[in-house]
Amino acid sequence: MAAFAMRFVVVLLTFVTVGMIIGALMQLEFIKKLDDSYGAKFSLTRLRGLRGGAYWGDQEDVMLRIGYVKPEVINWSPRIILFHNFLSAEECDYLRAIAKPHLVVSTVVDMKTGKGVKSKVRTSSGMFLSSRDRKYPIIQGIEKRISVYSQIPVENGERIQVLRYEKNQLYRPHHDYFSDPFNLKFGGQRVATMLMYLSDGVEGGETYFPKAGSGQCSCGGRTVTGLCVKPIKGSAVLFWSMGLDGQSDPRSLHGGCEVLSGEKWSATKWMRQNATS
């Protein structure tokens, strides 16, 4: 009887020991799978080129800079929204790099012919991205982001214009909407504008809205009445040229203040009522 009991204890201990070993091996395998899964996610995030810590969003979140872009309503009439961190530093540098070799003296639209003509109203230099440029993934990403945040279809947008303002250069107050029938043939009236800032270290060069608000602000070193937005690399201003009633809004009058030092680089996207092509 004693011998039987001893054999039973030995068998039971052996069974328990084997079970513990198998359980331990299974646990180690589970932990290894977790490590592999975590490592794969971390590697994917690094490949996406995100900065400022790990972020597990999908590719569309990355393209739209979800978690980075911070909208701030700065005026209701006219409607003006300031987007902090709208562009990454790399996107700003990219736009400047592809534009710089192609800059020409900026023009304004002639109301009779629809063609660009030189004017003292606008003293910058600039260029429009080409149809080929718009096929580049980084440009398509920026245009998709503009469309999502403005809620205006991509196909309603004109080509992005990149501008450079040097010392003493400016753009006097004007409206983005058209007052002539010629320019309305190509997509209808301009509805809204996204103005993106591409450089830092600029003194002056503010975007000035004379009919927005009743406070005072600094415009090219002068104190003026209205609303001024300081150009900060990566930020963007979205404003509407049409009111909620569907009519052109004269309060959307705006201009680029004189640059006192440095170079002000910006990129403008005008959006229309209908598709532009």
Protein backbone atom coordinates (compact mmCIF):
# COMPACT_ATOMS: atom_id res chain seq x y z
CA MET A 1 0.00 0.00 0.00
CA ALA A 2 2.81 2.33 0.93
CA ALA A 3 4.65 1.52 -2.32
CA PHE A 4 1.52 2.30 -4.37
CA ALA A 5 1.08 5.61 -2.61
CA MET A 6 4.72 6.50 -3.29
CA ARG A 7 4.39 5.70 -7.00
CA PHE A 8 1.20 7.82 -7.17
CA VAL A 9 3.00 10.80 -5.64
CA VAL A 10 5.92 10.44 -8.08
CA VAL A 11 3.57 10.28 -11.08
CA LEU A 12 1.59 13.28 -9.83
CA LEU A 13 4.73 15.35 -9.27
CA THR A 14 6.02 14.40 -12.72
CA PHE A 15 2.72 15.43 -14.30
CA VAL A 16 2.71 18.76 -12.46
CA THR A 17 6.34 19.42 -13.41
CA VAL A 18 5.75 18.69 -17.08
CA GLY A 19 2.64 20.90 -17.03
CA MET A 20 4.59 23.77 -15.49
CA ILE A 21 7.33 23.44 -18.13
CA ILE A 22 4.79 23.41 -20.97
CA GLY A 23 2.97 26.41 -19.45
CA ALA A 24 6.22 28.33 -19.10
CA LEU A 25 7.16 27.63 -22.73
CA MET A 26 3.73 28.77 -23.93
CA GLN A 27 4.03 31.97 -21.88
CA LEU A 28 7.47 32.70 -23.33
CA GLU A 29 6.13 32.20 -26.85
CA PHE A 30 3.22 34.56 -26.11
CA ILE A 31 5.59 37.22 -24.78
CA LYS A 32 7.83 36.81 -27.86
CA LYS A 33 4.83 37.37 -30.15
CA LEU A 34 3.92 40.54 -28.25
CA ASP A 35 7.49 41.81 -28.60
CA ASP A 36 7.51 41.05 -32.33
CA SER A 37 4.16 42.79 -32.79
CA TYR A 38 5.27 45.87 -30.86
CA GLY A 39 8.56 45.99 -32.75
CA ALA A 40 6.79 45.81 -36.11
CA LYS A 41 4.49 48.70 -35.18
CA PHE A 42 7.43 50.74 -33.93
CA SER A 43 9.38 50.11 -37.13
CA LEU A 44 6.36 51.12 -39.24
CA THR A 45 6.05 54.34 -37.32
CA ARG A 46 9.74 55.13 -37.81
CA LEU A 47 9.47 54.42 -41.52
CA ARG A 48 6.61 56.89 -41.78
CA GLY A 49 9.00 59.57 -40.61
CA LEU A 50 6.88 60.82 -37.73
CA ARG A 51 8.51 63.02 -35.13
CA GLY A 52 7.69 63.83 -31.55
CA GLY A 53 7.03 60.29 -30.34
CA ALA A 54 5.25 57.15 -31.51
CA TYR A 55 1.87 57.52 -33.15
CA TRP A 56 -0.21 54.54 -34.22
CA GLY A 57 -2.56 56.24 -36.72
CA ASP A 58 -3.09 54.94 -40.24
CA GLN A 59 -1.61 56.48 -43.37
CA GLU A 60 -4.48 58.94 -43.85
CA ASP A 61 -4.00 60.23 -40.29
CA VAL A 62 -0.36 60.83 -41.13
CA MET A 63 -1.23 62.67 -44.36
CA LEU A 64 -3.76 64.87 -42.55
CA ARG A 65 -1.36 65.45 -39.62
CA ILE A 66 -4.00 64.40 -37.13
CA GLY A 67 -2.82 65.35 -33.66
CA TYR A 68 -0.47 68.02 -35.00
CA VAL A 69 -2.78 70.50 -36.74
CA LYS A 70 -4.51 72.80 -34.23
CA PRO A 71 -7.35 74.95 -35.63
CA GLU A 72 -8.13 78.31 -34.00
CA VAL A 73 -11.08 80.46 -35.05
CA ILE A 74 -9.76 84.03 -34.94
CA ASN A 75 -12.69 85.83 -36.59
CA TRP A 76 -16.30 85.05 -37.52
CA SER A 77 -17.12 87.85 -39.95
CA PRO A 78 -15.32 87.40 -42.25
CA ARG A 79 -14.67 83.77 -41.36
CA ILE A 80 -10.97 83.27 -40.61
CA ILE A 81 -9.35 80.15 -39.12
CA LEU A 82 -5.69 79.90 -38.15
CA PHE A 83 -4.22 76.36 -38.39
CA HIS A 84 -1.14 75.86 -36.26
CA ASN A 85 1.34 73.21 -37.54
CA PHE A 86 -0.59 72.78 -40.78
CA LEU A 87 2.58 71.91 -42.71
CA SER A 88 5.65 70.07 -41.49
CA ALA A 89 9.04 71.78 -41.70
CA GLU A 90 9.99 69.32 -44.45
CA GLU A 91 6.91 70.21 -46.51
CA CYS A 92 7.70 73.92 -46.19
CA ASP A 93 11.29 73.37 -47.33
CA TYR A 94 10.10 71.17 -50.20
CA LEU A 95 7.73 73.83 -51.55
CA ARG A 96 10.43 76.50 -51.37
CA ALA A 97 12.97 74.23 -53.08
CA ILE A 98 10.80 73.37 -56.08
CA ALA A 99 9.67 76.99 -56.48
CA LYS A 100 12.95 78.88 -56.14
CA PRO A 101 14.41 78.13 -59.63
CA HIS A 102 11.17 79.26 -61.30
CA LEU A 103 10.35 82.53 -59.53
CA VAL A 104 9.28 85.48 -61.65
CA VAL A 105 7.96 88.94 -60.80
CA SER A 106 4.41 88.60 -59.43
CA THR A 107 1.44 89.97 -61.32
CA VAL A 108 -2.19 90.84 -60.68
CA VAL A 109 -5.17 89.77 -62.78
CA ASP A 110 -6.30 92.20 -65.48
CA MET A 111 -10.09 92.44 -65.20
CA LYS A 112 -10.59 92.82 -68.96
CA THR A 113 -8.32 90.09 -70.30
CA GLY A 114 -7.89 87.78 -67.32
CA LYS A 115 -4.12 87.84 -67.88
CA GLY A 116 -1.47 88.67 -65.30
CA VAL A 117 0.01 92.16 -65.43
CA LYS A 118 2.75 93.78 -63.35
CA SER A 119 1.60 96.23 -60.70
CA LYS A 120 2.94 98.25 -57.78
CA VAL A 121 0.10 96.75 -55.77
CA ARG A 122 2.07 93.51 -55.58
CA THR A 123 5.87 93.57 -55.43
CA SER A 124 6.76 89.94 -54.67
CA SER A 125 8.07 87.14 -56.91
CA GLY A 126 6.35 83.81 -57.37
CA MET A 127 5.39 80.79 -59.46
CA PHE A 128 2.52 78.34 -59.88
CA LEU A 129 3.05 74.62 -59.40
CA SER A 130 2.67 72.76 -62.68
CA SER A 131 0.36 69.86 -63.49
CA ARG A 132 3.43 67.63 -63.18
CA ASP A 133 4.21 69.01 -59.72
CA ARG A 134 0.66 68.14 -58.60
CA LYS A 135 1.36 64.45 -59.30
CA TYR A 136 4.05 64.29 -56.62
CA PRO A 137 2.81 62.46 -53.48
CA ILE A 138 3.87 65.26 -51.12
CA ILE A 139 1.89 67.84 -53.13
CA GLN A 140 -1.12 65.53 -53.36
CA GLY A 141 -0.96 65.08 -49.59
CA ILE A 142 -0.95 68.84 -49.00
CA GLU A 143 -3.85 69.37 -51.41
CA LYS A 144 -5.86 66.58 -49.76
CA ARG A 145 -5.22 68.17 -46.36
CA ILE A 146 -6.41 71.56 -47.64
CA SER A 147 -9.55 69.93 -49.03
CA VAL A 148 -10.37 68.13 -45.78
CA TYR A 149 -9.87 71.14 -43.51
CA SER A 150 -11.68 73.54 -45.83
CA GLN A 151 -14.39 71.03 -46.81
CA ILE A 152 -13.97 72.00 -50.48
CA PRO A 153 -13.24 69.26 -53.07
CA VAL A 154 -9.68 68.96 -54.36
CA GLU A 155 -10.87 69.41 -57.95
CA ASN A 156 -12.26 72.86 -57.07
CA GLY A 157 -8.80 74.14 -56.21
CA GLU A 158 -6.53 76.20 -58.41
CA ARG A 159 -2.86 75.33 -58.66
CA ILE A 160 -0.82 76.28 -55.58
CA GLN A 161 1.13 79.51 -55.98
CA VAL A 162 4.42 79.89 -54.06
CA LEU A 163 5.51 83.46 -53.27
CA ARG A 164 8.64 85.13 -51.92
CA TYR A 165 8.58 88.60 -50.35
CA GLU A 166 11.95 90.25 -49.74
CA LYS A 167 12.70 93.39 -47.71
CA ASN A 168 10.29 96.28 -48.46
CA GLN A 169 8.03 94.09 -50.59
CA LEU A 170 4.30 93.83 -49.93
CA TYR A 171 0.83 93.13 -51.34
CA ARG A 172 -1.63 95.95 -50.81
CA PRO A 173 -5.16 95.14 -49.53
CA HIS A 174 -7.35 93.42 -52.13
CA HIS A 175 -10.10 90.84 -52.53
CA ASP A 176 -9.54 87.34 -53.85
CA TYR A 177 -12.99 87.12 -55.45
CA PHE A 178 -13.53 88.30 -59.02
CA SER A 179 -15.60 91.24 -60.21
CA ASP A 180 -15.44 90.40 -63.92
CA PRO A 181 -17.22 87.71 -65.97
CA PHE A 182 -14.04 86.50 -67.72
CA ASN A 183 -12.46 84.84 -64.68
CA LEU A 184 -15.76 83.29 -63.57
CA LYS A 185 -15.71 81.01 -66.61
CA PHE A 186 -13.13 78.71 -65.02
CA GLY A 187 -14.77 77.17 -61.97
CA GLY A 188 -16.99 80.06 -60.92
CA GLN A 189 -16.27 82.45 -58.07
CA ARG A 190 -13.43 81.99 -55.58
CA VAL A 191 -14.97 80.72 -52.36
CA ALA A 192 -12.03 80.53 -49.96
CA THR A 193 -8.25 80.87 -49.69
CA MET A 194 -5.71 78.79 -47.78
CA LEU A 195 -2.55 80.82 -47.16
CA MET A 196 0.39 78.76 -45.86
CA TYR A 197 3.59 80.20 -44.37
CA LEU A 198 6.86 78.54 -45.38
CA SER A 199 9.62 80.44 -43.55
CA ASP A 200 10.68 81.74 -40.14
CA GLY A 201 12.81 84.69 -39.08
CA VAL A 202 10.65 87.30 -40.79
CA GLU A 203 10.07 90.76 -39.32
CA GLY A 204 6.89 92.31 -40.69
CA GLY A 205 5.13 90.50 -43.50
CA GLU A 206 1.91 89.99 -41.54
CA THR A 207 -1.34 89.11 -43.32
CA TYR A 208 -3.64 92.06 -42.65
CA PHE A 209 -7.46 92.04 -42.60
CA PRO A 210 -8.55 95.72 -42.32
CA LYS A 211 -12.26 94.89 -41.89
CA ALA A 212 -11.89 92.03 -39.41
CA GLY A 213 -12.39 92.94 -35.77
CA SER A 214 -12.00 96.36 -34.19
CA GLY A 215 -8.67 95.99 -32.40
CA GLN A 216 -5.23 97.24 -33.32
CA CYS A 217 -2.23 95.28 -34.56
CA SER A 218 1.21 95.70 -36.09
CA CYS A 219 1.45 95.65 -39.90
CA GLY A 220 4.97 96.07 -41.26
CA GLY A 221 5.95 98.08 -38.21
CA ARG A 222 2.86 100.32 -38.35
CA THR A 223 -0.03 100.20 -35.90
CA VAL A 224 -3.28 99.65 -37.80
CA THR A 225 -6.91 98.84 -37.03
CA GLY A 226 -8.05 95.35 -37.91
CA LEU A 227 -6.60 91.85 -37.58
CA CYS A 228 -3.00 90.87 -38.34
CA VAL A 229 -1.62 87.32 -38.58
CA LYS A 230 2.12 86.89 -38.07
CA PRO A 231 3.80 84.52 -40.56
CA ILE A 232 5.07 81.45 -38.69
CA LYS A 233 6.61 78.56 -40.58
CA GLY A 234 4.12 75.68 -40.92
CA SER A 235 1.00 77.61 -39.93
CA ALA A 236 -1.80 78.46 -42.35
CA VAL A 237 -4.75 80.85 -42.56
CA LEU A 238 -8.06 79.80 -44.12
CA PHE A 239 -10.48 82.61 -44.93
CA TRP A 240 -13.67 82.79 -46.97
CA SER A 241 -14.24 85.29 -49.77
CA MET A 242 -17.95 84.43 -49.81
CA GLY A 243 -20.38 84.85 -46.93
CA LEU A 244 -22.90 82.30 -45.67
CA ASP A 245 -25.45 83.92 -48.00
CA GLY A 246 -23.41 82.84 -51.04
CA GLN A 247 -22.45 86.40 -51.94
CA SER A 248 -18.96 87.88 -52.21
CA ASP A 249 -17.93 89.23 -48.82
CA PRO A 250 -16.26 92.68 -49.00
CA ARG A 251 -15.05 92.20 -45.42
CA SER A 252 -12.60 89.57 -46.71
CA LEU A 253 -10.34 92.43 -47.81
CA HIS A 254 -6.74 91.47 -46.96
CA GLY A 255 -3.14 92.28 -47.80
CA GLY A 256 0.47 91.33 -47.15
CA CYS A 257 2.26 93.83 -44.92
CA GLU A 258 5.71 95.16 -45.81
CA VAL A 259 8.62 92.88 -44.96
CA LEU A 260 11.09 94.69 -42.71
CA SER A 261 13.81 92.02 -42.64
CA GLY A 262 14.33 88.44 -43.74
CA GLU A 263 12.42 86.64 -46.50
CA LYS A 264 8.75 85.76 -46.27
CA TRP A 265 7.80 82.64 -48.19
CA SER A 266 4.18 81.59 -48.55
CA ALA A 267 1.99 79.28 -50.60
CA THR A 268 -1.55 80.15 -51.64
CA LYS A 269 -4.39 77.83 -52.64
CA TRP A 270 -7.52 79.45 -54.04
CA MET A 271 -10.71 77.36 -54.11
CA ARG A 272 -13.71 77.86 -56.40
CA GLN A 273 -17.40 77.05 -56.46
CA ASN A 274 -16.94 74.34 -59.09
CA ALA A 275 -14.21 72.15 -60.56
CA THR A 276 -11.45 74.18 -62.22
CA SER A 277 -10.78 71.73 -65.06
